[in-house]
Protein backbone atom coordinates (compact mmCIF):
# COMPACT_ATOMS: atom_id res chain seq x y z
CA UNK A 1 -68.72 134.90 -17.67
CA UNK A 2 -69.22 135.14 -14.28
CA UNK A 3 -72.57 136.69 -14.54
CA UNK A 4 -73.81 133.88 -16.40
CA UNK A 5 -72.87 131.29 -14.05
CA UNK A 6 -75.58 131.32 -11.70
CA UNK A 7 -78.10 130.90 -14.89
CA UNK A 8 -75.97 127.84 -16.24
CA UNK A 9 -76.28 126.42 -12.35
CA UNK A 10 -80.31 126.97 -12.64
CA UNK A 11 -80.82 125.59 -16.13
CA UNK A 12 -80.93 121.86 -15.19
CA UNK A 13 -84.06 122.81 -13.11
CA UNK A 14 -85.74 123.58 -16.16
CA UNK A 15 -85.55 119.63 -16.84
CA UNK A 16 -85.56 119.96 -20.86
CA UNK A 17 -84.82 116.40 -21.00
CA UNK A 18 -87.45 115.39 -18.71
CA UNK A 19 -90.02 117.65 -21.07
CA UNK A 20 -89.30 115.21 -23.84
CA UNK A 21 -91.07 112.48 -21.90
CA UNK A 22 -94.33 114.19 -22.86
CA UNK A 23 -93.94 113.41 -26.30
CA UNK A 24 -96.63 110.97 -26.88
CA UNK A 25 -99.27 113.32 -26.44
CA UNK A 26 -97.78 115.35 -29.19
CA UNK A 27 -97.38 112.47 -31.74
CA UNK A 28 -100.66 111.22 -30.76
CA UNK A 29 -102.57 114.32 -31.69
CA UNK A 30 -100.61 114.51 -35.13
CA UNK A 31 -101.41 110.80 -35.86
CA UNK A 32 -105.22 111.65 -35.19
CA UNK A 33 -105.40 114.07 -38.01
CA UNK A 34 -106.86 112.89 -41.25
CA UNK A 35 -105.74 115.87 -43.27
CA UNK A 36 -102.36 116.48 -44.46
CA UNK A 37 -100.56 119.14 -42.29
CA UNK A 38 -97.10 120.77 -42.53
CA UNK A 39 -94.05 119.14 -41.02
CA UNK A 40 -92.17 122.47 -40.78
CA UNK A 41 -95.39 123.70 -38.44
CA UNK A 42 -95.19 120.77 -36.41
CA UNK A 43 -91.38 121.06 -35.93
CA UNK A 44 -92.18 124.44 -34.63
CA UNK A 45 -94.88 123.21 -32.42
CA UNK A 46 -92.43 120.72 -30.96
CA UNK A 47 -90.06 123.39 -30.36
CA UNK A 48 -92.72 125.71 -28.56
CA UNK A 49 -94.14 123.06 -26.30
CA UNK A 50 -91.29 120.36 -25.63
CA UNK A 51 -88.13 122.85 -25.66
CA UNK A 52 -89.91 126.00 -24.07
CA UNK A 53 -93.12 125.63 -22.83
CA UNK A 54 -92.85 122.59 -20.52
CA UNK A 55 -89.39 123.39 -19.34
CA UNK A 56 -90.84 126.93 -18.20
CA UNK A 57 -93.37 124.89 -16.35
CA UNK A 58 -91.04 122.59 -14.78
CA UNK A 59 -88.59 125.53 -13.56
CA UNK A 60 -91.65 127.63 -12.13
CA UNK A 61 -92.62 124.06 -10.31
CA UNK A 62 -89.14 123.65 -8.98
CA UNK A 63 -88.95 127.47 -7.73
CA UNK A 64 -91.75 126.91 -5.49
CA UNK A 65 -91.26 123.37 -4.63
CA UNK A 66 -87.64 123.81 -3.56
CA UNK A 67 -87.37 119.96 -3.76
CA UNK A 68 -84.45 118.59 -1.41
CA UNK A 69 -84.72 115.07 -2.88
CA UNK A 70 -85.11 113.38 -6.41
CA UNK A 71 -87.44 114.97 -9.00
CA UNK A 72 -88.53 113.79 -12.59
CA UNK A 73 -85.49 113.86 -14.56
CA UNK A 74 -82.93 115.11 -11.81
CA UNK A 75 -81.48 112.88 -9.02
CA UNK A 76 -79.86 115.54 -7.13
CA UNK A 77 -81.63 118.99 -7.95
CA UNK A 78 -79.45 121.99 -7.41
CA UNK A 79 -80.58 124.79 -5.17
CA UNK A 80 -82.90 127.06 -6.55
CA UNK A 81 -82.23 130.61 -7.01
CA UNK A 82 -83.76 133.91 -8.30
CA UNK A 83 -82.08 133.05 -11.56
CA UNK A 84 -84.31 130.20 -12.05
CA UNK A 85 -87.20 132.59 -12.18
CA UNK A 86 -85.37 134.82 -14.52
CA UNK A 87 -85.17 131.69 -16.88
CA UNK A 88 -88.94 130.62 -16.61
CA UNK A 89 -89.97 134.14 -17.68
CA UNK A 90 -87.69 134.03 -20.49
CA UNK A 91 -88.69 130.48 -21.68
CA UNK A 92 -92.30 131.79 -21.53
CA UNK A 93 -92.04 134.70 -23.30
CA UNK A 94 -90.29 132.73 -26.00
CA UNK A 95 -92.69 130.03 -26.09
CA UNK A 96 -95.69 132.68 -26.54
CA UNK A 97 -93.50 134.45 -29.32
CA UNK A 98 -92.59 131.24 -31.06
CA UNK A 99 -96.16 129.97 -30.98
CA UNK A 100 -97.42 133.26 -32.25
CA UNK A 101 -95.16 132.97 -35.53
CA UNK A 102 -97.06 129.91 -36.12
CA UNK A 103 -100.75 131.26 -35.37
CA UNK A 104 -102.53 133.37 -32.78
CA UNK A 105 -104.73 130.96 -31.59
CA UNK A 106 -102.12 128.39 -30.92
CA UNK A 107 -100.18 131.34 -29.22
CA UNK A 108 -103.37 131.78 -26.92
CA UNK A 109 -103.58 128.30 -25.99
CA UNK A 110 -99.96 128.17 -24.98
CA UNK A 111 -100.45 131.11 -22.91
CA UNK A 112 -103.48 129.60 -21.18
CA UNK A 113 -101.36 126.33 -20.38
CA UNK A 114 -98.56 128.40 -19.22
CA UNK A 115 -100.92 130.41 -16.85
CA UNK A 116 -102.55 127.25 -15.56
CA UNK A 117 -99.17 125.66 -14.81
CA UNK A 118 -98.12 128.84 -12.75
CA UNK A 119 -101.42 128.34 -10.71
CA UNK A 120 -100.72 124.71 -10.27
CA UNK A 121 -97.42 125.72 -8.23
CA UNK A 122 -97.53 129.42 -7.23
CA UNK A 123 -97.79 129.47 -3.41
CA UNK A 124 -100.66 131.95 -3.35
CA UNK A 125 -102.90 129.44 -5.24
CA UNK A 126 -100.99 125.98 -5.04
CA UNK A 127 -103.56 123.70 -6.87
CA UNK A 128 -100.96 121.13 -6.01
CA UNK A 129 -102.41 121.13 -2.79
CA UNK A 130 -105.55 119.51 -3.60
CA UNK A 131 -105.38 115.96 -4.81
CA UNK A 132 -108.38 115.69 -6.99
CA UNK A 133 -108.33 119.20 -8.38
CA UNK A 134 -104.63 118.98 -9.15
CA UNK A 135 -105.03 115.63 -10.67
CA UNK A 136 -107.93 116.81 -13.05
CA UNK A 137 -105.94 120.05 -13.85
CA UNK A 138 -102.97 117.93 -15.37
CA UNK A 139 -104.99 115.41 -16.82
CA UNK A 140 -106.82 117.84 -18.79
CA UNK A 141 -104.13 120.41 -19.70
CA UNK A 142 -101.41 117.82 -20.47
CA UNK A 143 -103.79 115.55 -21.90
CA UNK A 144 -107.04 116.53 -24.15
CA UNK A 145 -105.99 120.29 -23.95
CA UNK A 146 -102.27 119.60 -25.30
CA UNK A 147 -103.79 117.06 -28.02
CA UNK A 148 -105.93 119.77 -29.40
CA UNK A 149 -103.31 122.47 -28.97
CA UNK A 150 -100.89 120.41 -31.01
CA UNK A 151 -103.65 120.15 -33.71
CA UNK A 152 -104.14 123.81 -33.66
CA UNK A 153 -100.55 124.30 -33.98
CA UNK A 154 -100.22 122.59 -37.51
CA UNK A 155 -103.34 124.27 -38.70
CA UNK A 156 -106.19 121.87 -38.23
CA UNK A 157 -109.82 123.76 -38.39
CA UNK A 158 -112.64 123.49 -36.22
CA UNK A 159 -114.13 120.58 -38.58
CA UNK A 160 -110.99 118.49 -37.61
CA UNK A 161 -110.82 119.32 -34.07
CA UNK A 162 -114.46 118.84 -33.15
CA UNK A 163 -114.70 115.92 -35.22
CA UNK A 164 -116.22 113.26 -32.92
CA UNK A 165 -113.69 110.45 -33.03
CA UNK A 166 -111.01 113.46 -32.72
CA UNK A 167 -112.50 114.40 -29.61
CA UNK A 168 -112.57 110.79 -28.13
CA UNK A 169 -108.93 110.37 -28.89
CA UNK A 170 -108.37 113.37 -27.07
CA UNK A 171 -110.54 111.92 -24.11
CA UNK A 172 -108.05 108.78 -24.51
CA UNK A 173 -104.84 111.04 -23.78
CA UNK A 174 -106.45 112.54 -20.68
CA UNK A 175 -107.06 108.96 -19.53
CA UNK A 176 -103.60 107.70 -20.28
CA UNK A 177 -102.41 110.93 -18.27
CA UNK A 178 -105.19 110.04 -15.42
CA UNK A 179 -103.06 106.82 -15.00
CA UNK A 180 -99.58 107.97 -15.46
CA UNK A 181 -99.54 110.96 -13.38
CA UNK A 182 -100.03 109.80 -10.09
CA UNK A 183 -97.09 107.10 -10.85
CA UNK A 184 -94.86 110.06 -11.20
CA UNK A 185 -95.73 111.03 -7.79
CA UNK A 186 -95.26 107.60 -5.95
CA UNK A 187 -91.78 108.05 -4.75
CA UNK A 188 -92.33 111.66 -3.48
CA UNK A 189 -94.53 110.89 -0.72
CA UNK A 190 -92.12 112.14 2.19
CA UNK A 191 -91.32 115.22 0.17
CA UNK A 192 -94.88 116.07 -0.71
CA UNK A 193 -96.14 115.48 3.07
CA UNK A 194 -93.03 117.82 4.08
CA UNK A 195 -94.62 120.74 2.04
CA UNK A 196 -98.05 119.89 2.78
CA UNK A 197 -99.18 118.92 -0.64
CA UNK A 198 -101.92 116.21 -0.45
CA UNK A 199 -100.99 114.84 -4.06
CA UNK A 200 -103.42 112.07 -5.24
CA UNK A 201 -101.08 109.34 -5.01
CA UNK A 202 -100.14 110.36 -1.34
CA UNK A 203 -103.86 110.07 -0.48
CA UNK A 204 -104.07 106.73 -2.45
CA UNK A 205 -101.00 105.43 -1.03
CA UNK A 206 -98.22 103.20 -2.77
CA UNK A 207 -100.50 100.28 -3.51
CA UNK A 208 -103.38 102.35 -4.27
CA UNK A 209 -101.55 104.23 -6.82
CA UNK A 210 -100.60 101.31 -8.78
CA UNK A 211 -104.40 100.13 -9.12
CA UNK A 212 -105.65 103.65 -9.85
CA UNK A 213 -103.00 103.67 -12.83
CA UNK A 214 -103.92 100.15 -13.88
CA UNK A 215 -107.61 101.02 -14.23
CA UNK A 216 -107.18 104.30 -15.97
CA UNK A 217 -104.50 103.06 -18.44
CA UNK A 218 -106.78 100.07 -19.00
CA UNK A 219 -109.55 102.18 -19.76
CA UNK A 220 -107.79 104.65 -21.97
CA UNK A 221 -106.45 101.72 -24.14
CA UNK A 222 -110.03 100.28 -24.42
CA UNK A 223 -111.32 103.41 -25.68
CA UNK A 224 -108.68 103.83 -27.81
CA UNK A 225 -109.14 100.47 -29.60
CA UNK A 226 -112.99 101.12 -29.92
CA UNK A 227 -112.38 104.45 -31.60
CA UNK A 228 -109.60 102.85 -33.96
CA UNK A 229 -112.21 100.15 -34.66
CA UNK A 230 -114.59 103.00 -35.58
CA UNK A 231 -112.67 104.73 -37.78
CA UNK A 232 -111.44 101.69 -39.48
CA UNK A 233 -107.85 101.95 -38.60
CA UNK A 234 -107.25 98.30 -37.51
CA UNK A 235 -103.56 98.75 -38.68
CA UNK A 236 -102.93 101.42 -36.04
CA UNK A 237 -104.69 99.38 -33.34
CA UNK A 238 -102.01 96.43 -34.23
CA UNK A 239 -99.11 99.14 -33.88
CA UNK A 240 -100.39 100.34 -30.62
CA UNK A 241 -100.84 96.69 -29.13
CA UNK A 242 -97.59 95.58 -30.24
CA UNK A 243 -95.76 99.14 -29.06
CA UNK A 244 -97.60 98.85 -25.73
CA UNK A 245 -96.17 95.32 -25.06
CA UNK A 246 -93.16 96.47 -23.23
CA UNK A 247 -94.87 99.08 -21.32
CA UNK A 248 -97.64 96.61 -20.07
CA UNK A 249 -94.94 94.01 -19.20
CA UNK A 250 -92.58 96.39 -17.14
CA UNK A 251 -95.70 97.98 -15.25
CA UNK A 252 -96.76 94.48 -14.29
CA UNK A 253 -93.14 93.50 -13.31
CA UNK A 254 -92.95 96.73 -11.18
CA UNK A 255 -96.22 96.53 -9.57
CA UNK A 256 -95.39 92.86 -8.48
CA UNK A 257 -92.27 94.20 -7.02
CA UNK A 258 -93.83 96.96 -5.30
CA UNK A 259 -96.40 94.68 -3.70
CA UNK A 260 -93.81 92.52 -2.16
CA UNK A 261 -91.44 95.46 -1.30
CA UNK A 262 -93.10 98.93 -1.38
CA UNK A 263 -89.42 100.41 -1.30
CA UNK A 264 -89.42 99.56 -4.99
CA UNK A 265 -91.67 102.63 -5.88
CA UNK A 266 -88.52 104.57 -5.95
CA UNK A 267 -87.02 107.35 -8.38
CA UNK A 268 -84.92 104.70 -10.39
CA UNK A 269 -88.16 102.48 -11.18
CA UNK A 270 -90.23 105.53 -11.86
CA UNK A 271 -87.97 107.25 -14.54
CA UNK A 272 -87.58 103.85 -16.30
CA UNK A 273 -91.15 103.44 -16.57
CA UNK A 274 -91.51 106.82 -17.93
CA UNK A 275 -88.51 106.39 -20.37
CA UNK A 276 -89.95 103.11 -21.62
CA UNK A 277 -93.41 104.25 -22.02
CA UNK A 278 -92.66 107.47 -23.66
CA UNK A 279 -90.47 105.99 -26.16
CA UNK A 280 -92.89 103.25 -27.08
CA UNK A 281 -95.79 105.15 -27.47
CA UNK A 282 -93.96 107.92 -29.23
CA UNK A 283 -92.80 105.32 -31.69
CA UNK A 284 -96.04 103.78 -32.07
CA UNK A 285 -97.79 107.20 -32.93
CA UNK A 286 -95.00 108.11 -35.33
CA UNK A 287 -95.22 105.02 -37.07
CA UNK A 288 -99.00 105.32 -37.50
CA UNK A 289 -98.04 108.85 -39.08
CA UNK A 290 -95.61 107.24 -41.66
CA UNK A 291 -98.21 104.54 -42.42
């Protein structure tokens, strides 16, 4: 039992609950498919991505960041240990193995995602040091790449994947990430500066981060609306507009508070924004699937 104790202490740094906040891209990818798919395979894709691959990426990032302050999903992160890296390799292996049980192309995409996430954090490469490059990597790989990877995982063929409106929706997912990703960095400016990571949010400043986020999210929403109109999916558009009402309201309220008191760009407000946007968008895309 004592041998397992260090692993139990390291497990929270995988931040499995925080990985669930990335659910909207998974549901978005499924909702965009016009052909039937297996819900069993969809469940398998969810497990591989949200319970294995994303936690492995979180843990690897924590291993090299060695954060002393709050990080996404953890107000007081535990000390980093060698056991954390052991857990990362275990989850990496299980993610690729689980993906291979669904399909080899899906396994290849999952392996590619894991390798890129390592380059993002690994001290010898550390893409995170470069504000524009790191943002581009996250926006592409957690957005359009994951959108299409989800569809590959449930068995979508090339015709479905490369259909023009499907590719536009994949672009929408990246635009949404382009807006939301800097917001997740807005309370970590001191920690990032201490490590020498010039993140996009740090370069933009607190107010600039909110302006950037607002523009990118609005661009994503506008493109999404155009695509839904083109696909004659007006019901989907209505669901999206209703579901994102609370998200827009919370973002506007938070931005107004930050404009008056920059200290409001803190861990608690950031986590609340993540939670509300994840829940609302996931419910919206899941409802589109039901309809």
